[in-house]
Amino acid sequence: ASFTVYPPSTEVSGVGPLGLCVLVAAPDLQGTQQFLRHHMSQSRGAAGGWSSEGFQLQAGYWTNVSAFLKKCFSSSREAGFYRCGGPTPIFTVDELLGRQRKVYLETYGCQMNVNDAEIAWSILQKSGYLRTSNLQEADVILLVTCSIREKAEQTIWNRLHQLKALKTKRLRSRVPLKIGILGCMAERLKEEILNREKMVDILAGPDAYRDLPRLLTVAESGQQAANVLLSLDETMLMSCQSRRAPVPLLLLSIMRGCDNMCSYCIVPFTRGRERSRPVASILEEVRKLSEQGLKEVTLLGQNVNSYRDNSEVQFNNAVSTNLSRGFSTNYKTKQGGLRFAHLLDQVLQLIHERDNICKQIHLPAQSGSSRVLEAMRRGYSREAYVELIHHIRESIPGVSLSSDFIAGFCGETEEDHLQTVSLLREVQYNMGFLFAYSMRQKTRAYHRLKDDVLEEVKLRRLEELITVFREEATKANKTSVGGTQLVLVEGLSKRSATELCGRNDGNLKVIFPDIEMEDATDSGLKVRAQPGDYVLVKITSASSQTLRGHVLCRTTLKDSSAYCSPE
């Protein structure tokens, strides 16, 4: 059975907030009954039904699942969001094979989407698809999308318009081109995409990538296919060993979803509830990839400090949530399991002590005004945030800090804006991600607040924030000038074929000449740096985004600490 679980307080047009709603979309009533009895035998929620007028809310409880389902199936209903143009077809394993059709992937948005693109590719490769970097030879084009702001979605609409000519050209070919929308935009807009852009063949939400082979098989028959059903337990627990070539850096998802429900944020509605991978599965994947040459892992999640592993039995008796002083949470935390929020000081101590843990922490502030932070439902004040910054810098000298900021949130005054400016100056971040506010449907702000800051005011404030951030980041990064830093080489610089690019342990980009150098582990040997090598670089200049320097030698992580210095 295929179904969508809408979380409590979900707003439905013409109905209002729901208690708990399951949207059933399966042709097999008996199978659906068995599934729901097994998984929801202890659940209670508002019961719903369908009618020709649309979705109708009815009071009651699931005391009788069978009666509830019969009510649903006996009424005419609108097409569900898990559709393939008719009864769900059943395919053999052979019918799901890609037969060497070529897939072209484009990724937009956050690092989670970069990781999701690799997960999607891993699944498709196992089904017999090939990957191409040439758009013109692709049989399948998949766009991994972002929905966090309107501008991000408009980028995808524009890209679809650009792809129309290629799609039309391939209509008469032996293998017609198929186009798919993956990720958060597919989840948020659902059928609007299929109805507005007939050229789109498949939709797959963030929890539906395992279904891609089936969706593409359905699309091959000429039908549109969609699966945007969110899961309560899907963590995409699988190894992404099928990347096209060994790379030194890996973005590894350790959890999915978010329960925080900040008033401006669409993520809980596009990514679903929090689910964490067991520690053992993470370690096993890293071990396998390390054997293939992996050098650095970034642990990803919408809200990694809510990561918990209930398999860690020594933590299962924990009953309290020890948040930092001045911080609160908008949801009831679950009991038991290892949780980063319980272990802040231990984590900071490990980062400080271990040379193999990067000295970089991302602390999204969003605003410097306590009043705006309260409206955003962030769970802390400016004062509590600044206190945490001081604590982190005392615990990890030289730590690199990054943050997110929103300009022009609902009700933001000029005074609120100036407080954000002052926070940028006070903290002096090394990296920042700043955007103008974009109202998103379904969010608390959409239902309860007014988007009352003029667009031109938002853009002016954003420009002011960017200017101040760059000034302060340049000052912060210039403290590295004169020092020697360990850099993990990523590859050629995008702007020069004679320079290499890498990152230090503060995640700052470092540019240096591609020249021969000594190998510190083999006296007298001259080498040129390759992706995955560690090199020592003496920093000579800095900007708000980049450090530049002279390469000294190739080394190892173990041997580098004796040579590195902040300045």
Protein backbone atom coordinates (compact mmCIF):
# COMPACT_ATOMS: atom_id res chain seq x y z
CA ALA A 1 0.00 0.00 0.00
CA SER A 2 1.14 3.52 -0.72
CA PHE A 3 0.14 6.35 1.55
CA THR A 4 1.07 9.79 2.78
CA VAL A 5 1.03 10.70 6.45
CA TYR A 6 0.33 14.38 6.99
CA PRO A 7 1.73 15.62 10.33
CA PRO A 8 -0.51 17.20 12.99
CA SER A 9 -1.59 20.79 12.25
CA THR A 10 -1.24 20.34 8.49
CA GLU A 11 -3.43 22.95 6.78
CA VAL A 12 -5.77 21.69 4.06
CA SER A 13 -7.46 24.21 1.76
CA GLY A 14 -11.10 24.65 2.73
CA VAL A 15 -10.75 22.45 5.80
CA GLY A 16 -8.14 23.91 8.15
CA PRO A 17 -5.64 22.07 10.35
CA LEU A 18 -5.84 18.29 10.49
CA GLY A 19 -5.18 16.06 13.46
CA LEU A 20 -3.56 13.19 11.57
CA CYS A 21 -4.41 12.25 8.00
CA VAL A 22 -3.42 9.27 5.91
CA LEU A 23 -3.92 9.70 2.18
CA VAL A 24 -4.43 6.18 0.82
CA ALA A 25 -3.64 5.61 -2.83
CA ALA A 26 -3.60 1.91 -3.54
CA PRO A 27 -5.89 -0.34 -5.59
CA ASP A 28 -5.70 -3.22 -3.10
CA LEU A 29 -8.07 -2.59 -0.19
CA GLN A 30 -7.20 -5.81 1.62
CA GLY A 31 -3.46 -5.16 1.42
CA THR A 32 -3.93 -1.62 2.67
CA GLN A 33 -6.01 -2.85 5.60
CA GLN A 34 -3.30 -5.31 6.58
CA PHE A 35 -0.60 -2.68 6.29
CA LEU A 36 -2.40 -0.11 8.42
CA ARG A 37 -3.43 -2.67 11.03
CA HIS A 38 0.20 -3.67 11.41
CA HIS A 39 1.69 -0.18 11.55
CA MET A 40 -1.09 1.84 13.15
CA SER A 41 -2.74 -0.55 15.57
CA GLN A 42 -1.93 1.81 18.41
CA SER A 43 -2.54 5.06 16.50
CA ARG A 44 -5.47 7.41 16.88
CA GLY A 45 -6.19 10.38 14.68
CA ALA A 46 -8.88 12.33 12.88
CA ALA A 47 -10.49 10.14 10.24
CA GLY A 48 -10.94 11.49 6.74
CA GLY A 49 -12.77 10.58 3.57
CA TRP A 50 -13.03 11.65 -0.05
CA SER A 51 -15.96 12.99 -2.02
CA SER A 52 -16.50 14.50 -5.44
CA GLU A 53 -16.29 17.94 -3.84
CA GLY A 54 -12.80 17.22 -2.52
CA PHE A 55 -11.35 16.15 0.76
CA GLN A 56 -13.80 16.29 3.65
CA LEU A 57 -12.79 16.18 7.30
CA GLN A 58 -14.87 14.03 9.63
CA ALA A 59 -14.55 13.78 13.40
CA GLY A 60 -13.75 10.38 14.84
CA TYR A 61 -11.01 7.92 15.62
CA TRP A 62 -9.50 4.89 13.92
CA THR A 63 -11.21 2.47 16.24
CA ASN A 64 -12.23 0.49 13.16
CA VAL A 65 -9.60 0.63 10.40
CA SER A 66 -11.65 -1.57 8.09
CA ALA A 67 -14.69 0.72 8.26
CA PHE A 68 -12.49 3.76 7.72
CA LEU A 69 -10.91 2.29 4.59
CA LYS A 70 -14.21 1.12 3.15
CA LYS A 71 -15.52 4.66 3.57
CA CYS A 72 -12.51 5.98 1.69
CA PHE A 73 -12.72 3.49 -1.16
CA SER A 74 -16.49 3.68 -1.53
CA SER A 75 -16.34 7.43 -2.28
CA SER A 76 -15.08 8.93 -5.49
CA ARG A 77 -11.79 10.60 -4.82
CA GLU A 78 -9.31 12.89 -6.47
CA ALA A 79 -6.15 11.45 -8.01
CA GLY A 80 -3.63 10.73 -5.28
CA PHE A 81 -0.09 11.98 -5.22
CA TYR A 82 1.19 8.47 -5.89
CA ARG A 83 0.03 7.99 -9.42
CA CYS A 84 0.93 6.35 -12.67
CA GLY A 85 -2.13 7.01 -14.80
CA GLY A 86 -4.16 4.05 -13.61
CA PRO A 87 -3.93 0.98 -11.38
CA THR A 88 -0.42 0.56 -10.01
CA PRO A 89 1.34 -1.81 -12.45
CA ILE A 90 3.52 -4.65 -11.21
CA PHE A 91 6.80 -5.12 -13.08
CA THR A 92 9.22 -8.00 -13.26
CA VAL A 93 12.85 -7.40 -12.32
CA ASP A 94 13.83 -7.44 -15.99
CA GLU A 95 11.26 -4.78 -16.84
CA LEU A 96 12.81 -2.43 -14.26
CA LEU A 97 16.27 -2.60 -15.80
CA GLY A 98 17.69 0.54 -17.36
CA ARG A 99 19.32 -1.36 -20.26
CA GLN A 100 22.22 1.10 -20.40
CA ARG A 101 20.06 4.16 -20.88
CA LYS A 102 22.11 7.24 -19.98
CA VAL A 103 21.19 9.46 -17.03
CA TYR A 104 22.17 13.12 -16.66
CA LEU A 105 21.85 14.60 -13.15
CA GLU A 106 21.68 18.30 -12.27
CA THR A 107 21.73 19.32 -8.60
CA TYR A 108 20.36 22.54 -7.12
CA GLY A 109 20.31 23.77 -3.53
CA CYS A 110 21.89 22.41 -0.37
CA GLN A 111 24.53 19.78 0.32
CA MET A 112 21.79 17.29 1.17
CA ASN A 113 20.71 17.49 -2.46
CA VAL A 114 24.27 16.75 -3.58
CA ASN A 115 24.20 13.65 -1.41
CA ASP A 116 20.69 12.76 -2.63
CA ALA A 117 21.88 12.93 -6.23
CA GLU A 118 24.51 10.30 -5.43
CA ILE A 119 21.89 8.14 -3.68
CA ALA A 120 19.60 8.39 -6.72
CA TRP A 121 22.48 7.52 -9.01
CA SER A 122 23.50 4.56 -6.83
CA ILE A 123 19.98 3.14 -7.15
CA LEU A 124 19.80 3.68 -10.90
CA GLN A 125 23.24 2.24 -11.56
CA LYS A 126 22.27 -0.96 -9.78
CA SER A 127 19.30 -1.15 -12.17
CA GLY A 128 21.51 -0.99 -15.24
CA TYR A 129 21.56 2.72 -16.08
CA LEU A 130 24.69 4.56 -17.20
CA ARG A 131 25.68 8.08 -16.17
CA THR A 132 26.69 10.82 -18.56
CA SER A 133 28.00 14.35 -18.18
CA ASN A 134 26.86 15.19 -21.72
CA LEU A 135 23.33 16.61 -21.72
CA GLN A 136 22.88 16.00 -25.45
CA GLU A 137 23.38 12.24 -25.21
CA ALA A 138 21.18 11.72 -22.14
CA ASP A 139 18.12 9.47 -22.29
CA VAL A 140 16.98 10.60 -18.84
CA ILE A 141 17.47 14.07 -17.29
CA LEU A 142 16.89 14.30 -13.54
CA LEU A 143 16.84 17.64 -11.71
CA VAL A 144 17.42 17.38 -7.95
CA THR A 145 15.59 20.47 -6.75
CA CYS A 146 15.32 22.94 -3.88
CA SER A 147 12.15 24.58 -2.59
CA ILE A 148 13.45 26.67 0.31
CA ARG A 149 12.82 29.95 -1.54
CA GLU A 150 10.73 31.10 -4.49
CA LYS A 151 13.88 32.02 -6.43
CA ALA A 152 15.13 28.44 -6.16
CA GLU A 153 11.89 27.13 -7.67
CA GLN A 154 11.90 29.76 -10.42
CA THR A 155 15.35 28.53 -11.42
CA ILE A 156 13.86 25.09 -12.05
CA TRP A 157 10.90 26.46 -14.03
CA ASN A 158 13.40 28.36 -16.20
CA ARG A 159 15.52 25.25 -16.65
CA LEU A 160 12.49 23.21 -17.75
CA HIS A 161 11.70 25.87 -20.33
CA GLN A 162 15.27 25.56 -21.65
CA LEU A 163 14.93 21.78 -21.91
CA LYS A 164 11.74 21.93 -23.99
CA ALA A 165 13.60 22.20 -27.29
CA LEU A 166 15.74 19.16 -26.49
CA LYS A 167 12.68 17.19 -25.42
CA THR A 168 10.81 18.09 -28.63
CA LYS A 169 13.80 17.16 -30.76
CA ARG A 170 13.92 13.71 -29.17
CA LEU A 171 10.19 12.94 -29.48
CA ARG A 172 10.67 11.15 -32.78
CA SER A 173 13.86 9.34 -31.79
CA ARG A 174 14.14 5.66 -30.99
CA VAL A 175 14.61 6.49 -27.30
CA PRO A 176 12.51 9.55 -26.36
CA LEU A 177 13.98 11.79 -23.69
CA LYS A 178 12.50 11.49 -20.19
CA ILE A 179 12.67 14.35 -17.69
CA GLY A 180 12.23 13.98 -13.95
CA ILE A 181 11.93 16.38 -11.01
CA LEU A 182 13.40 15.03 -7.78
CA GLY A 183 13.58 16.38 -4.24
CA CYS A 184 11.88 19.17 -2.35
CA MET A 185 10.18 20.96 -5.25
CA ALA A 186 8.57 17.68 -6.33
CA GLU A 187 7.36 17.21 -2.76
CA ARG A 188 6.01 20.74 -2.33
CA LEU A 189 4.30 21.30 -5.69
CA LYS A 190 3.35 17.73 -6.54
CA GLU A 191 0.72 17.63 -9.28
CA GLU A 192 1.11 21.33 -10.10
CA ILE A 193 4.35 20.39 -11.85
CA LEU A 194 2.77 17.56 -13.84
CA ASN A 195 -0.20 19.71 -14.83
CA ARG A 196 1.82 22.83 -15.65
CA GLU A 197 4.70 21.11 -17.46
CA LYS A 198 3.48 18.18 -19.53
CA MET A 199 7.10 17.58 -20.55
CA VAL A 200 7.87 16.32 -17.03
CA ASP A 201 7.60 12.52 -16.98
CA ILE A 202 8.33 11.65 -13.36
CA LEU A 203 8.23 13.17 -9.88
CA ALA A 204 10.12 11.67 -6.95
CA GLY A 205 10.12 13.19 -3.48
CA PRO A 206 13.12 13.02 -1.12
CA ASP A 207 11.97 9.67 0.34
CA ALA A 208 11.06 8.02 -2.98
CA TYR A 209 14.43 7.52 -4.69
CA ARG A 210 14.27 3.75 -4.26
CA ASP A 211 11.21 3.87 -6.54
CA LEU A 212 13.05 5.58 -9.43
CA PRO A 213 13.50 2.41 -11.55
CA ARG A 214 9.74 1.73 -11.39
CA LEU A 215 8.82 5.35 -12.09
CA LEU A 216 11.08 5.43 -15.14
CA THR A 217 9.62 2.14 -16.37
CA VAL A 218 6.12 3.60 -16.09
CA ALA A 219 7.28 6.73 -17.94
CA GLU A 220 8.62 4.58 -20.77
CA SER A 221 5.03 3.53 -21.49
CA GLY A 222 4.10 7.17 -22.11
CA GLN A 223 2.47 7.89 -18.75
CA GLN A 224 3.46 10.42 -16.11
CA ALA A 225 4.59 8.76 -12.89
CA ALA A 226 4.91 10.23 -9.40
CA ASN A 227 5.85 9.14 -5.92
CA VAL A 228 6.14 11.94 -3.37
CA LEU A 229 5.15 9.96 -0.31
CA LEU A 230 7.05 10.93 2.82
CA SER A 231 8.26 8.19 5.12
CA LEU A 232 8.48 7.91 8.90
CA ASP A 233 11.51 5.62 8.78
CA GLU A 234 13.32 5.96 5.42
CA THR A 235 16.95 7.01 5.98
CA MET A 236 18.27 6.00 2.54
CA LEU A 237 20.56 3.59 4.37
CA MET A 238 22.73 2.43 1.53
CA SER A 239 26.28 2.78 0.36
CA CYS A 240 27.04 5.30 -2.36
CA GLN A 241 30.08 3.40 -3.58
CA SER A 242 28.90 3.76 -7.17
CA ARG A 243 30.16 7.31 -7.69
CA ARG A 244 31.72 7.85 -11.10
CA ALA A 245 35.28 8.27 -9.83
CA PRO A 246 37.04 8.16 -6.46
CA VAL A 247 36.93 11.58 -4.81
CA PRO A 248 38.63 12.68 -1.58
CA LEU A 249 35.56 14.28 0.01
CA LEU A 250 32.20 12.69 0.83
CA LEU A 251 28.93 14.30 1.85
CA LEU A 252 27.27 11.66 4.02
CA SER A 253 23.69 11.94 5.25
CA ILE A 254 23.32 10.70 8.84
CA MET A 255 19.71 11.80 9.27
CA ARG A 256 16.79 13.15 7.27
CA GLY A 257 13.93 15.49 8.08
CA CYS A 258 13.35 18.10 10.79
CA ASP A 259 10.92 18.42 13.71
CA ASN A 260 11.72 22.01 14.70
CA MET A 261 8.95 23.72 12.71
CA CYS A 262 10.56 27.17 12.54
CA SER A 263 7.84 29.52 11.36
CA TYR A 264 9.53 30.43 8.05
CA CYS A 265 10.76 26.98 7.03
CA ILE A 266 9.27 24.57 4.49
CA VAL A 267 11.73 21.75 5.26
CA PRO A 268 9.49 19.73 7.65
CA PHE A 269 6.86 19.65 4.90
CA THR A 270 9.24 18.68 2.08
CA ARG A 271 11.62 16.43 4.01
CA GLY A 272 9.33 15.01 6.67
CA ARG A 273 10.02 14.08 10.27
CA GLU A 274 13.44 13.39 11.77
CA ARG A 275 14.95 9.95 11.17
CA SER A 276 18.53 8.99 12.03
CA ARG A 277 20.82 6.30 10.68
CA PRO A 278 22.40 3.90 13.19
CA VAL A 279 26.03 4.66 14.02
CA ALA A 280 27.09 1.20 12.86
CA SER A 281 25.79 1.78 9.32
CA ILE A 282 27.57 5.14 9.09
CA LEU A 283 30.88 3.68 10.25
CA GLU A 284 30.58 0.76 7.85
CA GLU A 285 29.95 3.03 4.86
CA VAL A 286 32.86 5.30 5.78
CA ARG A 287 35.14 2.28 6.26
CA LYS A 288 34.34 0.92 2.80
CA LEU A 289 34.79 4.28 1.12
CA SER A 290 38.00 4.94 3.04
CA GLU A 291 39.42 1.80 1.46
CA GLN A 292 38.67 3.41 -1.92
CA GLY A 293 40.66 6.56 -1.11
CA LEU A 294 38.17 8.71 0.80
CA LYS A 295 39.95 11.35 2.92
CA GLU A 296 37.23 13.56 4.40
CA VAL A 297 33.59 13.06 5.41
CA THR A 298 31.01 15.78 6.06
CA LEU A 299 28.11 14.54 8.19
CA LEU A 300 24.86 15.96 6.82
CA GLY A 301 21.32 16.44 8.03
CA GLN A 302 18.66 19.12 8.12
CA ASN A 303 19.23 19.28 11.87
CA VAL A 304 22.31 17.22 12.79
CA ASN A 305 22.31 18.29 16.44
CA SER A 306 19.06 16.32 16.77
CA TYR A 307 20.77 13.16 15.53
CA ARG A 308 20.09 10.21 17.81
CA ASP A 309 21.04 6.56 17.67
CA ASN A 310 18.78 4.33 19.73
CA SER A 311 21.09 1.39 19.08
CA GLU A 312 23.59 2.98 21.49
CA VAL A 313 22.17 1.24 24.56
CA GLN A 314 24.43 3.02 27.05
CA PHE A 315 22.50 6.21 26.32
CA ASN A 316 19.00 4.74 26.26
CA ASN A 317 18.29 5.66 29.87
CA ALA A 318 18.84 9.37 29.27
CA VAL A 319 15.65 11.19 30.24
CA SER A 320 16.62 14.85 30.00
CA THR A 321 17.53 17.10 27.11
CA ASN A 322 20.51 19.19 28.14
CA LEU A 323 20.30 22.05 25.68
CA SER A 324 22.71 24.97 25.85
CA ARG A 325 21.75 27.65 28.34
CA GLY A 326 19.10 29.96 26.90
CA PHE A 327 18.01 27.53 24.19
CA SER A 328 14.67 25.75 23.97
CA THR A 329 12.90 23.49 21.52
CA ASN A 330 9.43 23.79 20.00
CA TYR A 331 8.71 20.07 20.04
CA LYS A 332 8.71 17.34 22.66
CA THR A 333 12.01 15.51 22.40
CA LYS A 334 12.04 11.74 22.27
CA GLN A 335 13.35 9.73 25.20
CA GLY A 336 16.49 7.64 24.95
CA GLY A 337 19.29 7.29 22.47
CA LEU A 338 22.51 9.14 21.85
CA ARG A 339 21.75 12.75 20.93
CA PHE A 340 24.28 15.47 20.06
CA ALA A 341 22.36 18.03 22.12
CA HIS A 342 23.11 15.94 25.22
CA LEU A 343 26.81 15.93 24.48
CA LEU A 344 27.75 19.47 23.42
CA ASP A 345 30.76 19.86 25.70
CA GLN A 346 32.01 16.36 24.89
CA VAL A 347 31.70 17.07 21.16
CA LEU A 348 33.54 20.40 21.48
CA GLN A 349 36.30 18.70 23.47
CA LEU A 350 36.70 16.02 20.79
CA ILE A 351 36.89 18.63 18.03
CA HIS A 352 39.60 20.45 19.97
CA GLU A 353 41.64 17.34 20.79
CA ARG A 354 41.47 15.37 17.55
CA ASP A 355 43.58 16.47 14.60
CA ASN A 356 41.36 14.46 12.27
CA ILE A 357 38.21 16.48 13.10
CA CYS A 358 37.82 19.75 11.20
CA LYS A 359 37.65 22.90 13.31
CA GLN A 360 34.52 24.30 11.70
CA ILE A 361 30.99 24.68 13.07
CA HIS A 362 27.87 25.93 11.30
CA LEU A 363 25.61 27.96 13.62
CA PRO A 364 22.60 29.40 11.74
CA ALA A 365 21.54 32.60 13.50
CA GLN A 366 18.92 33.81 10.96
CA SER A 367 18.60 37.17 12.75
CA GLY A 368 20.35 39.32 15.34
CA SER A 369 17.07 40.53 16.84
CA SER A 370 15.57 38.60 19.76
CA ARG A 371 12.12 39.82 18.74
CA VAL A 372 12.48 38.45 15.22
CA LEU A 373 14.00 35.21 16.53
CA GLU A 374 10.90 34.71 18.67
CA ALA A 375 8.65 35.27 15.64
CA MET A 376 10.76 32.75 13.74
CA ARG A 377 10.33 30.24 16.60
CA ARG A 378 14.07 29.69 16.77
CA GLY A 379 14.08 28.84 20.46
CA TYR A 380 16.81 31.24 21.61
CA SER A 381 17.55 34.92 22.09
CA ARG A 382 20.43 36.93 20.69
CA GLU A 383 22.08 36.89 24.11
CA ALA A 384 21.91 33.09 24.37
CA TYR A 385 23.32 32.73 20.85
CA VAL A 386 26.27 35.04 21.56
CA GLU A 387 26.99 33.20 24.81
CA LEU A 388 27.15 29.93 22.86
CA ILE A 389 29.56 31.52 20.36
CA HIS A 390 31.88 32.57 23.19
CA HIS A 391 31.71 29.09 24.72
CA ILE A 392 32.62 27.44 21.41
CA ARG A 393 35.54 29.79 20.79
CA GLU A 394 36.86 29.21 24.30
CA SER A 395 36.59 25.45 23.78
CA ILE A 396 38.13 25.41 20.27
CA PRO A 397 40.65 28.25 19.74
CA GLY A 398 40.83 29.23 16.08
CA VAL A 399 37.52 27.57 15.19
CA SER A 400 35.94 28.62 11.88
CA LEU A 401 32.29 29.69 12.16
CA SER A 402 29.63 29.94 9.47
CA SER A 403 25.99 31.00 9.66
CA ASP A 404 22.72 31.61 7.82
CA PHE A 405 20.79 34.89 7.83
CA ILE A 406 17.39 35.95 6.50
CA ALA A 407 16.78 39.58 5.52
CA GLY A 408 13.28 41.05 5.70
CA PHE A 409 11.36 38.44 7.69
CA CYS A 410 7.74 39.21 8.59
CA GLY A 411 7.50 42.32 10.75
CA GLU A 412 11.24 43.04 10.69
CA THR A 413 11.85 46.72 11.47
CA GLU A 414 14.87 48.83 10.64
CA GLU A 415 16.00 48.44 14.25
CA ASP A 416 15.75 44.65 13.95
CA HIS A 417 17.83 44.81 10.78
CA LEU A 418 20.52 46.92 12.47
CA GLN A 419 20.72 44.36 15.27
CA THR A 420 21.51 41.71 12.66
CA VAL A 421 24.18 43.99 11.21
CA SER A 422 25.71 44.39 14.67
CA LEU A 423 25.69 40.61 15.24
CA LEU A 424 27.65 40.12 12.01
CA ARG A 425 30.22 42.61 13.24
CA GLU A 426 30.35 41.15 16.75
CA VAL A 427 30.78 37.49 15.76
CA GLN A 428 32.89 38.02 12.60
CA TYR A 429 31.98 34.82 10.76
CA ASN A 430 34.39 33.14 8.34
CA MET A 431 31.58 32.05 6.02
CA GLY A 432 27.96 33.06 5.59
CA PHE A 433 24.83 32.27 3.59
CA LEU A 434 22.49 35.24 3.36
CA PHE A 435 19.11 35.49 1.61
CA ALA A 436 16.03 37.68 1.39
CA TYR A 437 12.93 36.20 3.03
CA SER A 438 10.58 34.25 0.77
CA MET A 439 7.14 33.28 2.10
CA ARG A 440 6.42 29.55 1.75
CA GLN A 441 2.97 27.98 1.81
CA LYS A 442 2.12 25.58 4.67
CA THR A 443 4.54 27.27 7.07
CA ARG A 444 3.39 28.87 10.31
CA ALA A 445 4.43 32.29 8.97
CA TYR A 446 2.21 31.78 5.92
CA HIS A 447 -0.84 31.13 8.12
CA ARG A 448 -0.21 33.48 11.03
CA LEU A 449 2.13 36.28 9.98
CA LYS A 450 2.13 38.95 7.30
CA ASP A 451 4.84 39.27 4.70
CA ASP A 452 4.88 43.04 5.18
CA VAL A 453 8.46 44.02 4.31
CA LEU A 454 8.58 45.49 0.80
CA GLU A 455 10.65 43.58 -1.73
CA GLU A 456 12.93 46.54 -2.40
CA VAL A 457 13.51 46.90 1.34
CA LYS A 458 14.38 43.21 1.63
CA LEU A 459 16.90 43.51 -1.18
CA ARG A 460 18.44 46.67 0.26
CA ARG A 461 18.82 45.06 3.68
CA LEU A 462 20.25 41.92 2.10
CA GLU A 463 22.89 43.95 0.26
CA GLU A 464 23.81 45.71 3.49
CA LEU A 465 24.17 42.38 5.30
CA ILE A 466 26.32 40.95 2.49
CA THR A 467 28.58 44.02 2.53
CA VAL A 468 29.10 43.84 6.30
CA PHE A 469 29.61 40.08 6.23
CA ARG A 470 32.33 40.39 3.56
CA GLU A 471 34.10 43.13 5.49
CA GLU A 472 34.15 41.11 8.70
CA ALA A 473 34.94 37.79 7.02
CA THR A 474 37.93 39.40 5.31
CA LYS A 475 39.19 40.60 8.70
CA ALA A 476 38.68 37.15 10.22
CA ASN A 477 40.37 35.34 7.34
CA LYS A 478 43.35 37.72 7.29
CA THR A 479 44.37 36.42 10.71
CA SER A 480 45.59 33.34 8.82
CA VAL A 481 48.08 35.32 6.70
CA GLY A 482 51.64 34.34 7.57
CA GLY A 483 50.63 30.99 9.00
CA THR A 484 51.07 27.49 7.57
CA GLN A 485 47.95 25.40 7.05
CA LEU A 486 47.17 21.83 6.11
CA VAL A 487 45.09 21.70 2.92
CA LEU A 488 43.25 18.77 1.39
CA VAL A 489 43.58 19.07 -2.40
CA GLU A 490 40.27 18.91 -4.30
CA GLY A 491 41.47 19.59 -7.85
CA LEU A 492 42.17 22.36 -10.32
CA SER A 493 41.00 25.87 -9.54
CA LYS A 494 37.89 26.81 -11.51
CA ARG A 495 39.48 30.10 -12.55
CA SER A 496 42.99 29.00 -13.48
CA ALA A 497 44.47 25.89 -15.05
CA THR A 498 47.81 26.66 -13.37
CA GLU A 499 46.45 26.65 -9.83
CA LEU A 500 45.03 24.05 -7.48
CA CYS A 501 42.19 24.39 -5.02
CA GLY A 502 41.69 22.73 -1.67
CA ARG A 503 40.22 23.36 1.78
CA ASN A 504 41.75 23.77 5.20
CA ASP A 505 40.27 22.28 8.36
CA GLY A 506 38.10 25.39 8.76
CA ASN A 507 36.47 24.54 5.41
CA LEU A 508 37.92 27.68 3.83
CA LYS A 509 38.94 27.49 0.18
CA VAL A 510 42.71 27.72 -0.37
CA ILE A 511 44.26 28.47 -3.79
CA PHE A 512 47.93 27.75 -4.55
CA PRO A 513 50.16 27.20 -7.63
CA ASP A 514 50.22 23.79 -9.31
CA ILE A 515 53.98 23.22 -9.11
CA GLU A 516 56.41 20.50 -8.13
CA MET A 517 57.07 20.21 -4.41
CA GLU A 518 58.92 18.03 -1.96
CA ASP A 519 57.29 14.99 -0.42
CA ALA A 520 57.85 15.33 3.33
CA THR A 521 57.46 11.57 3.76
CA ASP A 522 60.14 10.72 1.16
CA SER A 523 63.14 13.04 1.28
CA GLY A 524 64.35 14.18 -2.12
CA LEU A 525 61.25 13.06 -4.02
CA LYS A 526 59.61 15.76 -6.16
CA VAL A 527 55.87 15.44 -6.76
CA ARG A 528 52.86 17.36 -8.03
CA ALA A 529 49.79 17.42 -5.81
CA GLN A 530 46.83 15.25 -6.79
CA PRO A 531 43.21 15.31 -5.55
CA GLY A 532 43.18 13.64 -2.15
CA ASP A 533 46.72 14.71 -1.21
CA TYR A 534 47.45 16.71 1.90
CA VAL A 535 49.79 19.66 1.35
CA LEU A 536 51.22 22.38 3.57
CA VAL A 537 50.50 25.90 2.32
CA LYS A 538 51.94 29.15 3.70
CA ILE A 539 49.12 31.70 3.52
CA THR A 540 50.04 34.99 1.83
CA SER A 541 46.67 36.74 1.31
CA ALA A 542 43.00 36.45 2.22
CA SER A 543 39.60 37.68 1.05
CA SER A 544 36.09 37.12 2.38
CA GLN A 545 35.87 33.74 0.63
CA THR A 546 39.37 32.55 -0.23
CA LEU A 547 42.88 32.13 1.14
CA ARG A 548 45.91 32.15 -1.16
CA GLY A 549 49.41 30.91 -0.53
CA HIS A 550 52.61 29.12 -1.55
CA VAL A 551 52.69 25.34 -1.38
CA LEU A 552 55.56 23.98 0.74
CA CYS A 553 55.36 20.20 0.53
CA ARG A 554 53.15 17.15 0.39
CA THR A 555 52.54 15.55 3.76
CA THR A 556 50.10 13.37 5.69
CA LEU A 557 47.44 14.19 8.25
CA LYS A 558 49.49 12.42 10.91
CA ASP A 559 52.73 14.29 10.18
CA SER A 560 51.26 17.74 9.57
CA SER A 561 50.59 18.98 13.11
CA ALA A 562 54.23 19.80 13.79
CA TYR A 563 54.32 22.23 10.86
CA CYS A 564 50.91 23.93 11.01
CA SER A 565 50.46 27.29 12.71
CA PRO A 566 47.61 29.81 12.69
CA GLU A 567 49.97 32.69 11.86
